[in-house]
């Protein structure tokens, strides 16, 4: 079972990031229609922070 700190999901659910088996980071970023997810500057910076945090833990 993953700890809550090992999982991130955007408010609309189109972007999900999690640590898998404490060895890798998994990312899904697709809309319900199968299109790529578009990020604002603020969202991109938040994503960078999440990735940096997760990377420091694996």
PDB file of N, CA and C in Angstrom:
ATOM      1  N   UNK A   1       0.846  -1.188   0.000  1.00  0.00           N
ATOM      2  CA  UNK A   1       0.000   0.000   0.000  1.00  0.00           C
ATOM      3  C   UNK A   1       0.884   1.242   0.000  1.00  0.00           C
ATOM      4  N   UNK A   2       0.541   2.192  -0.830  1.00  0.00           N
ATOM      5  CA  UNK A   2       1.353   3.407  -0.930  1.00  0.00           C
ATOM      6  C   UNK A   2       0.976   4.388   0.174  1.00  0.00           C
ATOM      7  N   UNK A   3       1.980   5.053   0.713  1.00  0.00           N
ATOM      8  CA  UNK A   3       1.722   6.111   1.666  1.00  0.00           C
ATOM      9  C   UNK A   3       1.105   7.296   0.938  1.00  0.00           C
ATOM     10  N   UNK A   4       0.338   8.088   1.653  1.00  0.00           N
ATOM     11  CA  UNK A   4      -0.291   9.261   1.049  1.00  0.00           C
ATOM     12  C   UNK A   4       0.756  10.192   0.442  1.00  0.00           C
ATOM     13  N   UNK A   5       1.925  10.295   1.054  1.00  0.00           N
ATOM     14  CA  UNK A   5       2.983  11.174   0.570  1.00  0.00           C
ATOM     15  C   UNK A   5       3.633  10.652  -0.709  1.00  0.00           C
ATOM     16  N   UNK A   6       3.317   9.420  -1.092  1.00  0.00           N
ATOM     17  CA  UNK A   6       3.901   8.826  -2.288  1.00  0.00           C
ATOM     18  C   UNK A   6       2.991   8.981  -3.504  1.00  0.00           C
ATOM     19  N   UNK A   7       1.945   9.807  -3.400  1.00  0.00           N
ATOM     20  CA  UNK A   7       0.972   9.939  -4.477  1.00  0.00           C
ATOM     21  C   UNK A   7       0.536  11.390  -4.606  1.00  0.00           C
ATOM     22  N   UNK A   8       0.455  11.869  -5.850  1.00  0.00           N
ATOM     23  CA  UNK A   8      -0.024  13.224  -6.130  1.00  0.00           C
ATOM     24  C   UNK A   8      -1.021  13.136  -7.272  1.00  0.00           C
ATOM     25  N   UNK A   9      -2.130  13.863  -7.158  1.00  0.00           N
ATOM     26  CA  UNK A   9      -3.115  13.931  -8.237  1.00  0.00           C
ATOM     27  C   UNK A   9      -3.597  15.364  -8.371  1.00  0.00           C
ATOM     28  N   UNK A  10      -3.673  15.847  -9.622  1.00  0.00           N
ATOM     29  CA  UNK A  10      -4.176  17.200  -9.855  1.00  0.00           C
ATOM     30  C   UNK A  10      -5.651  17.259  -9.474  1.00  0.00           C
ATOM     31  N   UNK A  11      -6.153  18.452  -9.270  1.00  0.00           N
ATOM     32  CA  UNK A  11      -7.534  18.614  -8.816  1.00  0.00           C
ATOM     33  C   UNK A  11      -8.555  18.031  -9.787  1.00  0.00           C
ATOM     34  N   UNK A  12      -8.237  18.027 -11.090  1.00  0.00           N
ATOM     35  CA  UNK A  12      -9.177  17.469 -12.069  1.00  0.00           C
ATOM     36  C   UNK A  12      -8.889  16.008 -12.406  1.00  0.00           C
ATOM     37  N   UNK A  13      -7.855  15.446 -11.783  1.00  0.00           N
ATOM     38  CA  UNK A  13      -7.552  14.033 -11.951  1.00  0.00           C
ATOM     39  C   UNK A  13      -6.839  13.655 -13.236  1.00  0.00           C
ATOM     40  N   UNK A  14      -6.441  14.629 -14.051  1.00  0.00           N
ATOM     41  CA  UNK A  14      -5.790  14.303 -15.322  1.00  0.00           C
ATOM     42  C   UNK A  14      -4.302  14.032 -15.175  1.00  0.00           C
ATOM     43  N   UNK A  15      -3.711  14.463 -14.079  1.00  0.00           N
ATOM     44  CA  UNK A  15      -2.279  14.275 -13.831  1.00  0.00           C
ATOM     45  C   UNK A  15      -2.111  13.487 -12.537  1.00  0.00           C
ATOM     46  N   UNK A  16      -1.430  12.353 -12.631  1.00  0.00           N
ATOM     47  CA  UNK A  16      -1.174  11.518 -11.459  1.00  0.00           C
ATOM     48  C   UNK A  16       0.303  11.157 -11.429  1.00  0.00           C
ATOM     49  N   UNK A  17       0.887  11.244 -10.229  1.00  0.00           N
ATOM     50  CA  UNK A  17       2.299  10.914 -10.049  1.00  0.00           C
ATOM     51  C   UNK A  17       2.402  10.093  -8.771  1.00  0.00           C
ATOM     52  N   UNK A  18       3.164   9.008  -8.829  1.00  0.00           N
ATOM     53  CA  UNK A  18       3.345   8.208  -7.628  1.00  0.00           C
ATOM     54  C   UNK A  18       4.696   7.518  -7.646  1.00  0.00           C
ATOM     55  N   UNK A  19       5.154   7.164  -6.441  1.00  0.00           N
ATOM     56  CA  UNK A  19       6.385   6.396  -6.287  1.00  0.00           C
ATOM     57  C   UNK A  19       5.997   4.929  -6.276  1.00  0.00           C
ATOM     58  N   UNK A  20       6.655   4.160  -7.112  1.00  0.00           N
ATOM     59  CA  UNK A  20       6.368   2.732  -7.243  1.00  0.00           C
ATOM     60  C   UNK A  20       7.510   1.930  -6.625  1.00  0.00           C
ATOM     61  N   UNK A  21       7.184   1.119  -5.624  1.00  0.00           N
ATOM     62  CA  UNK A  21       8.123   0.214  -4.968  1.00  0.00           C
ATOM     63  C   UNK A  21       9.396   0.921  -4.505  1.00  0.00           C
ATOM     64  N   UNK A  22       9.268   2.166  -4.165  1.00  0.00           N
ATOM     65  CA  UNK A  22      10.378   2.975  -3.642  1.00  0.00           C
ATOM     66  C   UNK A  22      11.575   3.041  -4.584  1.00  0.00           C
ATOM     67  N   UNK A  23      11.364   2.753  -5.897  1.00  0.00           N
ATOM     68  CA  UNK A  23      12.487   2.747  -6.827  1.00  0.00           C
ATOM     69  C   UNK A  23      12.262   3.586  -8.077  1.00  0.00           C
ATOM     70  N   UNK A  24      11.027   3.979  -8.340  1.00  0.00           N
ATOM     71  CA  UNK A  24      10.774   4.741  -9.571  1.00  0.00           C
ATOM     72  C   UNK A  24       9.551   5.633  -9.403  1.00  0.00           C
ATOM     73  N   UNK A  25       9.475   6.635 -10.271  1.00  0.00           N
ATOM     74  CA  UNK A  25       8.356   7.569 -10.290  1.00  0.00           C
ATOM     75  C   UNK A  25       7.520   7.273 -11.532  1.00  0.00           C
ATOM     76  N   UNK A  26       6.218   7.106 -11.340  1.00  0.00           N
ATOM     77  CA  UNK A  26       5.304   6.877 -12.454  1.00  0.00           C
ATOM     78  C   UNK A  26       4.444   8.114 -12.641  1.00  0.00           C
ATOM     79  N   UNK A  27       4.178   8.444 -13.922  1.00  0.00           N
ATOM     80  CA  UNK A  27       3.375   9.626 -14.251  1.00  0.00           C
ATOM     81  C   UNK A  27       2.355   9.262 -15.311  1.00  0.00           C
ATOM     82  N   UNK A  28       1.106   9.679 -15.098  1.00  0.00           N
ATOM     83  CA  UNK A  28       0.118   9.654 -16.168  1.00  0.00           C
ATOM     84  C   UNK A  28      -0.384  11.081 -16.320  1.00  0.00           C
ATOM     85  N   UNK A  29      -0.516  11.518 -17.559  1.00  0.00           N
ATOM     86  CA  UNK A  29      -0.955  12.882 -17.830  1.00  0.00           C
ATOM     87  C   UNK A  29      -1.753  12.905 -19.127  1.00  0.00           C
ATOM     88  N   UNK A  30      -3.003  12.460 -19.026  1.00  0.00           N
ATOM     89  CA  UNK A  30      -3.877  12.373 -20.193  1.00  0.00           C
ATOM     90  C   UNK A  30      -5.284  12.786 -19.763  1.00  0.00           C
ATOM     91  N   UNK A  31      -5.957  13.566 -20.597  1.00  0.00           N
ATOM     92  CA  UNK A  31      -7.335  13.944 -20.299  1.00  0.00           C
ATOM     93  C   UNK A  31      -8.255  12.746 -20.536  1.00  0.00           C
ATOM     94  N   UNK A  32      -9.476  12.864 -20.111  1.00  0.00           N
ATOM     95  CA  UNK A  32     -10.458  11.784 -20.329  1.00  0.00           C
ATOM     96  C   UNK A  32     -10.673  11.508 -21.813  1.00  0.00           C
ATOM     97  N   UNK A  33     -10.415  12.503 -22.635  1.00  0.00           N
ATOM     98  CA  UNK A  33     -10.567  12.358 -24.083  1.00  0.00           C
ATOM     99  C   UNK A  33      -9.316  11.792 -24.737  1.00  0.00           C
ATOM    100  N   UNK A  34      -8.266  11.559 -23.947  1.00  0.00           N
ATOM    101  CA  UNK A  34      -7.025  11.014 -24.480  1.00  0.00           C
ATOM    102  C   UNK A  34      -6.055  12.058 -24.995  1.00  0.00           C
ATOM    103  N   UNK A  35      -6.334  13.316 -24.733  1.00  0.00           N
ATOM    104  CA  UNK A  35      -5.458  14.407 -25.171  1.00  0.00           C
ATOM    105  C   UNK A  35      -4.364  14.660 -24.132  1.00  0.00           C
ATOM    106  N   UNK A  36      -3.261  15.286 -24.554  1.00  0.00           N
ATOM    107  CA  UNK A  36      -2.220  15.645 -23.592  1.00  0.00           C
ATOM    108  C   UNK A  36      -2.748  16.685 -22.599  1.00  0.00           C
ATOM    109  N   UNK A  37      -2.221  16.652 -21.409  1.00  0.00           N
ATOM    110  CA  UNK A  37      -2.608  17.608 -20.375  1.00  0.00           C
ATOM    111  C   UNK A  37      -1.830  18.900 -20.591  1.00  0.00           C
ATOM    112  N   UNK A  38      -2.529  20.015 -20.532  1.00  0.00           N
ATOM    113  CA  UNK A  38      -1.892  21.334 -20.645  1.00  0.00           C
ATOM    114  C   UNK A  38      -1.692  21.890 -19.242  1.00  0.00           C
ATOM    115  N   UNK A  39      -0.496  22.431 -18.993  1.00  0.00           N
ATOM    116  CA  UNK A  39      -0.176  22.987 -17.686  1.00  0.00           C
ATOM    117  C   UNK A  39       0.052  24.486 -17.771  1.00  0.00           C
ATOM    118  N   UNK A  40      -0.483  25.199 -16.803  1.00  0.00           N
ATOM    119  CA  UNK A  40      -0.174  26.619 -16.671  1.00  0.00           C
ATOM    120  C   UNK A  40       1.217  26.732 -16.051  1.00  0.00           C
ATOM    121  N   UNK A  41       1.740  27.934 -16.002  1.00  0.00           N
ATOM    122  CA  UNK A  41       3.047  28.150 -15.374  1.00  0.00           C
ATOM    123  C   UNK A  41       3.014  27.680 -13.921  1.00  0.00           C
ATOM    124  N   UNK A  42       1.971  28.043 -13.212  1.00  0.00           N
ATOM    125  CA  UNK A  42       1.838  27.653 -11.801  1.00  0.00           C
ATOM    126  C   UNK A  42       1.771  26.131 -11.647  1.00  0.00           C
ATOM    127  N   UNK A  43       1.014  25.473 -12.495  1.00  0.00           N
ATOM    128  CA  UNK A  43       0.905  24.016 -12.442  1.00  0.00           C
ATOM    129  C   UNK A  43       2.230  23.342 -12.785  1.00  0.00           C
ATOM    130  N   UNK A  44       2.949  23.878 -13.748  1.00  0.00           N
ATOM    131  CA  UNK A  44       4.251  23.324 -14.126  1.00  0.00           C
ATOM    132  C   UNK A  44       5.241  23.446 -12.972  1.00  0.00           C
ATOM    133  N   UNK A  45       5.222  24.563 -12.271  1.00  0.00           N
ATOM    134  CA  UNK A  45       6.107  24.747 -11.125  1.00  0.00           C
ATOM    135  C   UNK A  45       5.729  23.795  -9.990  1.00  0.00           C
ATOM    136  N   UNK A  46       4.434  23.581  -9.789  1.00  0.00           N
ATOM    137  CA  UNK A  46       3.990  22.629  -8.771  1.00  0.00           C
ATOM    138  C   UNK A  46       4.441  21.210  -9.138  1.00  0.00           C
ATOM    139  N   UNK A  47       4.302  20.853 -10.405  1.00  0.00           N
ATOM    140  CA  UNK A  47       4.747  19.547 -10.885  1.00  0.00           C
ATOM    141  C   UNK A  47       6.249  19.381 -10.643  1.00  0.00           C
ATOM    142  N   UNK A  48       7.023  20.409 -10.938  1.00  0.00           N
ATOM    143  CA  UNK A  48       8.473  20.355 -10.728  1.00  0.00           C
ATOM    144  C   UNK A  48       8.794  20.123  -9.253  1.00  0.00           C
ATOM    145  N   UNK A  49       8.064  20.769  -8.361  1.00  0.00           N
ATOM    146  CA  UNK A  49       8.277  20.577  -6.926  1.00  0.00           C
ATOM    147  C   UNK A  49       7.954  19.152  -6.497  1.00  0.00           C
ATOM    148  N   UNK A  50       6.846  18.613  -6.993  1.00  0.00           N
ATOM    149  CA  UNK A  50       6.465  17.237  -6.660  1.00  0.00           C
ATOM    150  C   UNK A  50       7.529  16.265  -7.154  1.00  0.00           C
ATOM    151  N   UNK A  51       7.966  16.429  -8.401  1.00  0.00           N
ATOM    152  CA  UNK A  51       8.984  15.534  -8.957  1.00  0.00           C
ATOM    153  C   UNK A  51      10.304  15.629  -8.193  1.00  0.00           C
ATOM    154  N   UNK A  52      10.694  16.834  -7.839  1.00  0.00           N
ATOM    155  CA  UNK A  52      11.935  17.028  -7.082  1.00  0.00           C
ATOM    156  C   UNK A  52      11.833  16.337  -5.717  1.00  0.00           C
ATOM    157  N   UNK A  53      10.684  16.493  -5.064  1.00  0.00           N
ATOM    158  CA  UNK A  53      10.470  15.857  -3.769  1.00  0.00           C
ATOM    159  C   UNK A  53      10.499  14.340  -3.893  1.00  0.00           C
ATOM    160  N   UNK A  54       9.772  13.796  -4.867  1.00  0.00           N
ATOM    161  CA  UNK A  54       9.729  12.352  -5.045  1.00  0.00           C
ATOM    162  C   UNK A  54      11.111  11.812  -5.417  1.00  0.00           C
ATOM    163  N   UNK A  55      11.819  12.498  -6.297  1.00  0.00           N
ATOM    164  CA  UNK A  55      13.137  12.035  -6.729  1.00  0.00           C
ATOM    165  C   UNK A  55      14.115  11.963  -5.558  1.00  0.00           C
ATOM    166  N   UNK A  56      13.992  12.870  -4.616  1.00  0.00           N
ATOM    167  CA  UNK A  56      14.898  12.859  -3.472  1.00  0.00           C
ATOM    168  C   UNK A  56      14.609  11.697  -2.526  1.00  0.00           C
ATOM    169  N   UNK A  57      13.464  11.033  -2.704  1.00  0.00           N
ATOM    170  CA  UNK A  57      13.060   9.961  -1.798  1.00  0.00           C
ATOM    171  C   UNK A  57      13.251   8.559  -2.385  1.00  0.00           C
ATOM    172  N   UNK A  58      13.638   8.457  -3.645  1.00  0.00           N
ATOM    173  CA  UNK A  58      13.833   7.115  -4.198  1.00  0.00           C
ATOM    174  C   UNK A  58      15.309   6.781  -4.311  1.00  0.00           C
TER     175      UNK A  58
END
